[in-house]
N, C-alpha and C. Protein backbone atom coordinates (compact mmCIF):
# COMPACT_ATOMS: atom_id res chain seq x y z
N MET A 1 -40.56 91.04 54.69
CA MET A 1 -39.48 91.54 55.19
C MET A 1 -39.73 92.82 55.79
N LYS A 2 -39.82 93.47 57.28
CA LYS A 2 -39.33 94.58 57.30
C LYS A 2 -38.20 95.05 57.41
N ALA A 3 -38.61 96.76 57.09
CA ALA A 3 -37.01 97.55 57.12
C ALA A 3 -36.19 97.34 58.57
N PRO A 4 -34.82 97.20 57.98
CA PRO A 4 -34.25 96.78 59.36
C PRO A 4 -34.32 97.57 60.40
N GLU A 5 -34.77 99.10 60.21
CA GLU A 5 -34.59 100.05 61.58
C GLU A 5 -36.33 99.46 62.70
N ASP A 6 -37.35 98.98 61.60
CA ASP A 6 -38.35 98.93 62.39
C ASP A 6 -38.56 96.68 62.59
N ASP A 7 -37.49 96.48 62.80
CA ASP A 7 -37.15 95.16 62.95
C ASP A 7 -35.75 94.57 63.73
N LEU A 8 -35.04 95.46 65.24
CA LEU A 8 -34.14 96.00 65.56
C LEU A 8 -33.96 94.54 66.30
N GLU A 9 -34.90 94.12 67.09
CA GLU A 9 -34.66 93.13 67.88
C GLU A 9 -34.60 91.44 67.19
N ARG A 10 -35.36 91.55 66.56
CA ARG A 10 -34.67 90.27 66.04
C ARG A 10 -33.82 90.54 64.90
N ARG A 11 -33.85 91.34 64.50
CA ARG A 11 -32.25 91.46 63.13
C ARG A 11 -31.05 91.46 64.35
N ARG A 12 -30.45 92.21 65.05
CA ARG A 12 -29.40 92.26 66.14
C ARG A 12 -28.54 90.69 66.06
N PRO A 13 -29.64 89.39 66.46
CA PRO A 13 -29.29 88.79 66.73
C PRO A 13 -28.08 88.14 65.17
N ILE A 14 -29.06 88.14 64.43
CA ILE A 14 -28.57 87.38 63.45
C ILE A 14 -27.18 88.30 62.42
N TRP A 15 -27.51 89.79 62.63
CA TRP A 15 -26.09 90.74 62.18
C TRP A 15 -24.98 90.02 63.68
N ASP A 16 -25.14 90.62 64.56
CA ASP A 16 -24.08 90.23 65.37
C ASP A 16 -23.21 87.82 64.84
N CYS A 17 -24.26 87.55 65.05
CA CYS A 17 -23.20 86.84 64.52
C CYS A 17 -22.68 86.64 63.25
N MET A 18 -23.24 86.72 62.06
CA MET A 18 -22.90 86.96 60.96
C MET A 18 -21.78 87.95 60.98
N GLN A 19 -21.66 88.61 61.74
CA GLN A 19 -20.67 89.97 61.15
C GLN A 19 -19.25 89.13 61.61
N MET A 20 -18.89 87.57 62.34
CA MET A 20 -17.74 87.14 62.37
C MET A 20 -16.86 86.96 61.17
N LEU A 21 -17.84 86.93 60.30
CA LEU A 21 -17.36 86.72 58.95
C LEU A 21 -16.20 87.12 57.85
N TRP A 22 -16.64 88.60 58.69
CA TRP A 22 -15.84 89.43 58.23
C TRP A 22 -14.25 90.19 58.98
N MET A 23 -14.01 89.11 60.36
CA MET A 23 -13.23 89.78 61.14
C MET A 23 -12.06 88.97 61.10
N ASP A 24 -10.71 89.00 61.24
CA ASP A 24 -9.43 88.20 61.24
C ASP A 24 -9.39 87.40 62.13
N THR A 25 -10.36 86.30 61.63
CA THR A 25 -9.77 85.33 62.18
C THR A 25 -10.99 84.37 61.01
N ASP A 26 -10.44 83.02 61.31
CA ASP A 26 -11.17 81.94 60.50
C ASP A 26 -12.20 81.61 60.67
N PRO A 27 -13.47 81.68 59.77
CA PRO A 27 -14.87 82.27 59.47
C PRO A 27 -15.96 80.15 59.43
N ALA A 28 -14.16 79.54 59.39
CA ALA A 28 -15.25 77.92 59.36
C ALA A 28 -15.65 78.06 61.04
N THR A 29 -14.70 78.72 61.89
CA THR A 29 -14.57 78.50 62.82
C THR A 29 -16.28 78.20 63.56
N GLU A 30 -16.82 79.60 63.07
CA GLU A 30 -18.07 80.07 63.43
C GLU A 30 -19.15 79.76 62.34
N LEU A 31 -19.12 79.29 61.49
CA LEU A 31 -20.02 78.49 60.53
C LEU A 31 -21.06 78.14 61.12
N ASP A 32 -21.17 76.90 62.22
CA ASP A 32 -21.47 76.56 62.96
C ASP A 32 -22.90 77.49 63.46
N HIS A 33 -22.46 77.85 64.49
CA HIS A 33 -22.87 78.71 65.35
C HIS A 33 -23.90 79.90 64.31
N ILE A 34 -23.40 80.56 62.98
CA ILE A 34 -23.70 81.03 62.95
C ILE A 34 -24.99 80.61 61.62
N ALA A 35 -24.97 79.11 61.74
CA ALA A 35 -26.25 78.66 61.35
C ALA A 35 -26.92 78.00 61.92
N ARG A 36 -26.54 77.99 63.30
CA ARG A 36 -27.51 77.91 64.19
C ARG A 36 -28.81 79.42 65.05
N VAL A 37 -28.50 80.09 64.50
CA VAL A 37 -29.11 81.28 65.39
C VAL A 37 -30.15 81.48 64.08
N CYS A 38 -29.42 81.44 62.42
CA CYS A 38 -30.51 81.53 61.51
C CYS A 38 -31.14 81.35 61.23
N ALA A 39 -30.61 79.51 62.23
CA ALA A 39 -32.13 78.17 61.62
C ALA A 39 -33.39 78.51 63.00
N ASP A 40 -32.39 78.68 63.28
CA ASP A 40 -33.19 79.09 64.79
C ASP A 40 -33.97 80.52 64.91
N SER A 41 -33.80 81.56 63.91
CA SER A 41 -35.27 82.53 63.88
C SER A 41 -35.85 82.34 62.74
N ASP A 42 -37.36 82.92 62.33
CA ASP A 42 -38.39 82.50 61.73
C ASP A 42 -37.94 83.50 60.39
N TYR A 43 -36.95 83.75 59.93
CA TYR A 43 -36.74 84.49 58.57
C TYR A 43 -36.46 83.50 57.68
N SER A 44 -36.92 83.57 56.29
CA SER A 44 -37.05 82.89 55.36
C SER A 44 -35.43 82.57 55.29
N LEU A 45 -35.35 81.75 54.10
CA LEU A 45 -33.76 81.98 53.33
C LEU A 45 -33.64 82.69 52.41
N ALA A 46 -34.29 83.63 52.30
CA ALA A 46 -34.41 84.96 51.19
C ALA A 46 -33.92 85.48 51.81
N ASP A 47 -34.88 85.74 53.14
CA ASP A 47 -34.61 86.97 53.62
C ASP A 47 -33.16 87.02 54.40
N LEU A 48 -32.76 86.31 55.13
CA LEU A 48 -31.60 85.79 55.59
C LEU A 48 -30.36 86.28 54.36
N GLN A 49 -31.03 85.42 53.24
CA GLN A 49 -29.81 86.18 52.02
C GLN A 49 -29.45 87.92 51.72
N ALA A 50 -31.23 88.35 52.21
CA ALA A 50 -30.68 89.74 52.18
C ALA A 50 -30.21 90.95 52.85
N ILE A 51 -30.70 90.00 53.70
CA ILE A 51 -29.67 90.62 55.33
C ILE A 51 -27.92 90.47 55.90
N TYR A 52 -27.48 88.83 54.68
CA TYR A 52 -26.48 88.77 54.60
C TYR A 52 -25.75 90.15 53.62
N TRP A 53 -26.72 89.79 52.60
CA TRP A 53 -25.52 90.29 51.71
C TRP A 53 -25.98 92.23 51.55
N ASN A 54 -27.41 92.32 51.52
CA ASN A 54 -27.81 93.78 52.02
C ASN A 54 -27.66 94.59 53.46
N GLU A 55 -27.35 93.86 53.96
CA GLU A 55 -27.11 94.74 55.77
C GLU A 55 -26.31 95.13 56.47
N VAL A 56 -25.30 93.27 56.71
CA VAL A 56 -24.17 93.22 57.58
C VAL A 56 -22.76 93.00 56.49
N ARG A 57 -23.22 92.41 54.90
CA ARG A 57 -21.84 92.60 54.11
C ARG A 57 -21.29 94.18 53.72
N PRO A 58 -21.81 95.22 53.99
CA PRO A 58 -21.77 96.71 53.44
C PRO A 58 -21.54 97.06 54.83
N ALA A 59 -21.68 96.92 55.99
CA ALA A 59 -21.52 97.64 56.76
C ALA A 59 -20.18 96.84 57.33
N VAL A 60 -19.87 95.70 57.38
CA VAL A 60 -18.33 95.66 57.61
C VAL A 60 -17.53 94.89 57.01
N ALA A 61 -17.75 94.33 55.89
CA ALA A 61 -16.85 94.13 54.81
C ALA A 61 -15.35 95.30 54.86
N PHE A 62 -15.61 96.46 54.99
CA PHE A 62 -13.95 96.85 55.01
C PHE A 62 -13.13 96.67 56.33
N ASN A 63 -13.24 96.13 56.97
CA ASN A 63 -12.69 95.30 58.09
C ASN A 63 -11.36 94.57 57.79
N LEU A 64 -12.08 93.37 56.67
CA LEU A 64 -10.70 92.88 55.94
C LEU A 64 -10.04 93.75 54.61
N TRP A 65 -10.49 94.54 54.23
CA TRP A 65 -9.24 95.35 53.49
C TRP A 65 -8.36 96.37 54.18
N MET A 66 -8.47 96.61 55.26
CA MET A 66 -7.39 96.86 56.33
C MET A 66 -6.20 95.75 56.52
N LEU A 67 -4.96 95.60 56.20
CA LEU A 67 -4.43 95.11 57.03
C LEU A 67 -3.07 95.95 58.04
N PRO A 68 -3.07 95.33 59.41
CA PRO A 68 -4.00 94.13 59.75
C PRO A 68 -5.63 94.16 60.05
N ALA A 69 -6.71 93.58 59.88
CA ALA A 69 -7.57 93.52 60.40
C ALA A 69 -7.95 94.09 61.33
N PRO A 70 -8.36 95.90 61.83
CA PRO A 70 -8.78 96.01 63.26
C PRO A 70 -9.47 95.50 64.28
N GLU A 71 -10.03 95.04 63.55
CA GLU A 71 -11.33 94.72 64.68
C GLU A 71 -11.40 92.73 64.31
N TRP A 72 -11.12 92.27 65.32
CA TRP A 72 -11.02 90.31 65.31
C TRP A 72 -12.28 89.46 66.23
N ALA A 73 -12.89 90.80 67.30
CA ALA A 73 -13.88 89.44 67.60
C ALA A 73 -15.17 90.04 67.85
N GLY A 74 -15.38 90.83 66.68
CA GLY A 74 -16.59 91.63 66.56
C GLY A 74 -17.03 92.96 67.10
N PHE A 75 -17.48 94.08 66.60
CA PHE A 75 -18.11 94.83 66.47
C PHE A 75 -18.88 95.05 68.14
N GLU A 76 -19.05 95.61 68.76
CA GLU A 76 -20.29 96.02 69.83
C GLU A 76 -21.41 96.58 69.00
N ILE A 77 -22.67 96.07 69.63
CA ILE A 77 -23.80 95.55 68.81
C ILE A 77 -24.43 96.85 69.03
N GLU A 78 -24.18 97.99 69.22
CA GLU A 78 -24.55 99.32 69.20
C GLU A 78 -24.21 99.47 68.23
N TRP A 79 -22.78 99.85 68.08
CA TRP A 79 -22.33 99.97 67.15
C TRP A 79 -22.52 99.75 65.44
N LEU A 80 -22.43 98.25 65.54
CA LEU A 80 -23.07 97.22 64.08
C LEU A 80 -24.35 97.78 64.08
N THR A 81 -25.25 97.80 65.18
CA THR A 81 -26.44 98.20 64.81
C THR A 81 -26.57 99.89 64.05
N ALA A 82 -25.84 100.90 64.58
CA ALA A 82 -26.02 101.90 63.99
C ALA A 82 -25.02 102.18 62.30
N ARG A 83 -23.67 101.11 62.33
CA ARG A 83 -23.68 100.86 61.06
C ARG A 83 -24.51 100.28 59.89
N ILE A 84 -24.79 99.48 60.47
CA ILE A 84 -26.02 99.47 59.56
C ILE A 84 -27.13 99.46 58.60
N LEU A 85 -28.07 100.17 59.91
CA LEU A 85 -28.79 101.07 59.34
C LEU A 85 -28.08 102.30 58.59
N ARG A 86 -26.74 102.95 58.69
CA ARG A 86 -26.43 103.36 57.76
C ARG A 86 -26.32 102.76 56.55
N ARG A 87 -25.56 101.89 56.39
CA ARG A 87 -25.05 101.04 55.55
C ARG A 87 -26.28 101.04 54.17
N SER A 88 -27.48 99.83 55.14
CA SER A 88 -28.05 99.10 54.67
C SER A 88 -28.45 99.54 53.47
N ARG A 89 -28.60 98.39 52.20
CA ARG A 89 -28.71 98.35 50.96
C ARG A 89 -31.01 97.63 50.86
N PHE A 90 -31.26 97.95 52.07
CA PHE A 90 -32.07 96.95 52.03
C PHE A 90 -33.19 97.88 51.16
N GLY A 91 -33.90 96.61 50.26
CA GLY A 91 -34.75 96.28 49.05
C GLY A 91 -34.05 96.76 47.76
N ARG A 92 -33.32 96.58 48.19
CA ARG A 92 -31.56 96.81 46.20
C ARG A 92 -31.74 95.12 46.20
N ARG A 93 -31.69 95.47 44.85
CA ARG A 93 -31.43 93.71 44.43
C ARG A 93 -29.89 93.51 44.99
N LEU A 94 -29.76 91.64 45.18
CA LEU A 94 -28.79 91.25 45.86
C LEU A 94 -27.81 91.62 44.70
N PRO A 95 -26.13 91.51 45.30
CA PRO A 95 -25.20 91.99 44.55
C PRO A 95 -25.25 90.69 43.77
N ARG A 96 -23.96 90.47 42.72
CA ARG A 96 -24.00 89.49 42.09
C ARG A 96 -22.66 88.94 42.58
N PRO A 97 -22.64 87.59 43.25
CA PRO A 97 -21.69 86.72 43.61
C PRO A 97 -20.47 86.38 43.19
N TRP A 98 -20.55 86.54 42.00
CA TRP A 98 -19.01 86.24 41.72
C TRP A 98 -17.73 87.59 41.86
N LEU A 99 -18.97 88.28 41.94
CA LEU A 99 -17.33 90.20 42.39
C LEU A 99 -17.28 90.02 43.79
N HIS A 100 -17.80 88.77 45.13
CA HIS A 100 -17.56 89.36 45.59
C HIS A 100 -17.81 87.44 46.30
N PRO A 101 -16.69 86.93 45.64
CA PRO A 101 -16.19 85.41 45.85
C PRO A 101 -15.89 84.89 47.38
N ASN A 102 -15.41 85.37 48.25
CA ASN A 102 -15.61 85.05 49.69
C ASN A 102 -16.79 84.81 50.06
N ALA A 103 -17.14 86.09 50.67
CA ALA A 103 -18.48 86.19 50.93
C ALA A 103 -20.41 85.42 50.27
N ALA A 104 -19.22 85.01 49.26
CA ALA A 104 -20.74 84.15 48.11
C ALA A 104 -20.28 82.67 49.00
N ARG A 105 -19.21 82.33 48.49
CA ARG A 105 -18.67 81.28 49.35
C ARG A 105 -19.42 80.90 50.59
N TRP A 106 -18.75 82.04 51.51
CA TRP A 106 -19.28 81.77 53.17
C TRP A 106 -21.23 81.87 52.84
N TRP A 107 -21.85 81.88 52.07
CA TRP A 107 -22.94 82.47 52.05
C TRP A 107 -23.44 81.20 51.65
N ARG A 108 -22.90 80.00 50.49
CA ARG A 108 -23.25 78.85 50.49
C ARG A 108 -23.49 78.13 51.61
N GLN A 109 -22.11 78.42 52.25
CA GLN A 109 -22.33 77.36 53.44
C GLN A 109 -22.85 77.25 54.26
N ILE A 110 -23.21 78.57 54.48
CA ILE A 110 -24.21 79.04 55.75
C ILE A 110 -25.49 78.32 55.26
N GLU A 111 -26.10 78.99 54.08
CA GLU A 111 -27.09 78.67 53.20
C GLU A 111 -27.57 76.80 53.26
N ALA A 112 -26.32 75.82 53.40
CA ALA A 112 -26.30 74.38 53.13
C ALA A 112 -27.17 74.53 54.70
N ALA A 113 -26.39 74.53 55.41
CA ALA A 113 -26.06 74.41 56.96
C ALA A 113 -27.35 74.75 57.41
N ILE A 114 -28.06 75.61 56.95
CA ILE A 114 -29.40 76.50 57.83
C ILE A 114 -30.58 75.43 56.98
N ARG A 115 -29.78 75.23 55.49
CA ARG A 115 -31.68 73.92 55.21
C ARG A 115 -31.32 71.83 56.32
N GLN A 116 -29.72 71.86 56.36
CA GLN A 116 -30.29 71.20 57.39
C GLN A 116 -30.39 71.07 58.21
N LEU A 117 -30.14 72.04 58.67
CA LEU A 117 -30.95 71.86 60.62
C LEU A 117 -32.37 71.81 60.12
N ARG A 118 -32.59 72.48 59.54
CA ARG A 118 -34.29 73.72 59.49
C ARG A 118 -34.55 71.50 58.61
N GLY A 119 -34.10 71.20 57.96
CA GLY A 119 -34.51 70.00 57.38
C GLY A 119 -35.33 69.89 56.06
N THR A 120 -35.04 71.41 55.54
CA THR A 120 -35.39 71.57 54.13
C THR A 120 -34.91 71.07 52.67
N ALA A 121 -35.84 70.63 52.10
CA ALA A 121 -35.12 70.07 50.72
C ALA A 121 -33.74 71.33 49.68
N GLN A 122 -33.16 70.91 49.19
CA GLN A 122 -31.85 71.50 48.83
C GLN A 122 -33.34 72.07 47.72
N GLN A 123 -32.86 73.42 47.14
CA GLN A 123 -33.72 73.61 45.81
C GLN A 123 -32.66 73.84 44.97
N GLY A 124 -33.00 72.98 43.48
CA GLY A 124 -31.62 73.95 42.81
C GLY A 124 -31.66 75.08 42.31
């Protein structure tokens, strides 16, 4: 997978939909849309997982640390792109999911939905 700065046009739709999991809304309402955008992309599941954990989460997780959360509708794509490029953990090991239980739960649901949409078998 290319570095984020070398793949902006393909990455931005993924970033834009994934960020919604860290907005002050019910993430379940976004799950179908996120899965569809991801499934329609040509990224592998491993690539999508890396984008989720190492690009989007480090850039926007702060939004739920403050109460009330400052952003509800999603960040502007230009701001989001700049933030992801500054905060990206591209090429680094994925964080341990048990340290981020909510993010891990949402990733499992997105992954299952992508597999279903793509018609791929569940892997152990």
